[in-house]
C-alpha atoms as a PDB file:
ATOM      1  CA  MET A   1       3.731   0.148  -6.882  1.00  0.00           C
ATOM      2  CA  THR A   2       2.094   3.682  -7.423  1.00  0.00           C
ATOM      3  CA  TRP A   3       5.124   5.651  -6.274  1.00  0.00           C
ATOM      4  CA  LEU A   4       8.791   4.537  -7.044  1.00  0.00           C
ATOM      5  CA  ASP A   5      11.329   6.902  -5.439  1.00  0.00           C
ATOM      6  CA  MET A   6      14.389   6.352  -7.675  1.00  0.00           C
ATOM      7  CA  ASP A   7      16.864   7.749  -5.104  1.00  0.00           C
ATOM      8  CA  VAL A   8      15.984   5.081  -2.703  1.00  0.00           C
ATOM      9  CA  VAL A   9      16.041   2.144  -5.101  1.00  0.00           C
ATOM     10  CA  ALA A  10      19.287   3.286  -6.640  1.00  0.00           C
ATOM     11  CA  ARG A  11      20.796   3.293  -3.207  1.00  0.00           C
ATOM     12  CA  ALA A  12      19.539  -0.016  -2.115  1.00  0.00           C
ATOM     13  CA  LEU A  13      20.826  -1.438  -5.495  1.00  0.00           C
ATOM     14  CA  GLY A  14      24.124   0.372  -5.208  1.00  0.00           C
ATOM     15  CA  ARG A  15      23.718   1.846  -8.841  1.00  0.00           C
ATOM     16  CA  ASN A  16      22.603   4.966 -10.733  1.00  0.00           C
ATOM     17  CA  LEU A  17      19.279   4.638 -12.385  1.00  0.00           C
ATOM     18  CA  ALA A  18      17.484   6.514 -15.123  1.00  0.00           C
ATOM     19  CA  ALA A  19      14.697   8.751 -13.840  1.00  0.00           C
ATOM     20  CA  HIS A  20      12.550   7.049 -16.540  1.00  0.00           C
ATOM     21  CA  VAL A  21       9.433   4.660 -16.567  1.00  0.00           C
ATOM     22  CA  VAL A  22       8.583   2.238 -19.450  1.00  0.00           C
ATOM     23  CA  LEU A  23       5.205   1.916 -20.185  1.00  0.00           C
ATOM     24  CA  LEU A  24       3.358  -0.457 -22.727  1.00  0.00           C
ATOM     25  CA  ASN A  25       1.544   1.491 -25.712  1.00  0.00           C
ATOM     26  CA  PRO A  26      -1.957   0.945 -25.624  1.00  0.00           C
ATOM     27  CA  ASP A  27      -2.195  -0.069 -28.984  1.00  0.00           C
ATOM     28  CA  HIS A  28       0.126  -2.977 -28.395  1.00  0.00           C
ATOM     29  CA  PRO A  29      -1.663  -6.342 -28.478  1.00  0.00           C
ATOM     30  CA  ALA A  30      -0.459  -7.349 -25.021  1.00  0.00           C
ATOM     31  CA  HIS A  31      -2.159  -4.265 -23.582  1.00  0.00           C
ATOM     32  CA  LEU A  32      -5.215  -5.675 -21.798  1.00  0.00           C
ATOM     33  CA  THR A  33      -7.775  -2.627 -22.110  1.00  0.00           C
ATOM     34  CA  GLY A  34      -6.329  -0.383 -24.489  1.00  0.00           C
ATOM     35  CA  ASP A  35      -6.709   2.647 -22.319  1.00  0.00           C
ATOM     36  CA  ALA A  36      -4.114   5.333 -22.240  1.00  0.00           C
ATOM     37  CA  TRP A  37      -1.818   5.182 -19.035  1.00  0.00           C
ATOM     38  CA  GLN A  38      -2.908   7.995 -16.422  1.00  0.00           C
ATOM     39  CA  PRO A  39      -0.082   9.206 -14.219  1.00  0.00           C
ATOM     40  CA  VAL A  40      -0.433   8.536 -10.448  1.00  0.00           C
ATOM     41  CA  THR A  41      -0.801  11.821  -8.764  1.00  0.00           C
ATOM     42  CA  PHE A  42      -0.732  10.986  -5.386  1.00  0.00           C
ATOM     43  CA  THR A  43       1.998   9.944  -2.899  1.00  0.00           C
ATOM     44  CA  PRO A  44       1.912   7.101  -0.305  1.00  0.00           C
ATOM     45  CA  GLU A  45       0.923   9.558   2.409  1.00  0.00           C
ATOM     46  CA  ARG A  46      -2.640   9.130   0.983  1.00  0.00           C
ATOM     47  CA  HIS A  47      -2.850   5.763   2.500  1.00  0.00           C
ATOM     48  CA  LEU A  48      -1.955   6.779   5.921  1.00  0.00           C
ATOM     49  CA  ALA A  49      -5.896   7.094   6.606  1.00  0.00           C
ATOM     50  CA  TYR A  50      -6.470   3.617   5.694  1.00  0.00           C
ATOM     51  CA  ALA A  51      -3.649   2.418   7.718  1.00  0.00           C
ATOM     52  CA  TRP A  52      -4.928   4.129  10.931  1.00  0.00           C
ATOM     53  CA  GLN A  53      -8.401   2.560  10.310  1.00  0.00           C
ATOM     54  CA  TRP A  54      -7.078  -0.950  10.241  1.00  0.00           C
ATOM     55  CA  ILE A  55      -5.040  -0.288  13.173  1.00  0.00           C
ATOM     56  CA  THR A  56      -7.938   1.145  14.831  1.00  0.00           C
ATOM     57  CA  MET A  57     -10.152  -1.530  14.119  1.00  0.00           C
ATOM     58  CA  ALA A  58      -7.563  -4.299  15.150  1.00  0.00           C
ATOM     59  CA  VAL A  59      -7.168  -2.623  18.547  1.00  0.00           C
ATOM     60  CA  VAL A  60     -10.843  -2.398  18.903  1.00  0.00           C
ATOM     61  CA  VAL A  61     -11.495  -5.943  17.936  1.00  0.00           C
ATOM     62  CA  PHE A  62      -8.695  -7.090  20.548  1.00  0.00           C
ATOM     63  CA  LEU A  63     -10.245  -5.073  23.512  1.00  0.00           C
ATOM     64  CA  VAL A  64     -13.335  -6.680  22.589  1.00  0.00           C
ATOM     65  CA  TRP A  65     -11.976 -10.160  22.630  1.00  0.00           C
ATOM     66  CA  ALA A  66      -9.779  -8.987  25.914  1.00  0.00           C
ATOM     67  CA  GLY A  67     -13.038  -7.966  27.513  1.00  0.00           C
ATOM     68  CA  LEU A  68     -14.965 -11.008  26.615  1.00  0.00           C
ATOM     69  CA  SER A  69     -12.289 -13.209  27.706  1.00  0.00           C
ATOM     70  CA  TRP A  70     -11.694 -11.661  30.977  1.00  0.00           C
ATOM     71  CA  LYS A  71     -15.456 -11.923  31.836  1.00  0.00           C
ATOM     72  CA  ARG A  72     -15.361 -15.364  31.007  1.00  0.00           C
ATOM     73  CA  PHE A  73     -12.070 -16.554  32.998  1.00  0.00           C
ATOM     74  CA  ALA A  74     -13.150 -14.033  35.688  1.00  0.00           C
ATOM     75  CA  LYS A  75     -16.387 -16.196  36.286  1.00  0.00           C
ATOM     76  CA  LYS A  76     -14.479 -19.622  37.137  1.00  0.00           C
END
């Protein structure tokens, strides 16, 4: 998850939460790459463009399918 809204999670759990995130030390053996953690600097709204692309593609594919099906059934 790239964005955690602590207020929403706290309301969902019905508890008060600390506004902290625990990160694994890059020097720890369980850390796979050893790279330092980079903060996430974008919100979920960034992904709206991807959502619109997929929705548009799904609509176009449906319209192509419906058009081809309509022609095939209209001939019978």
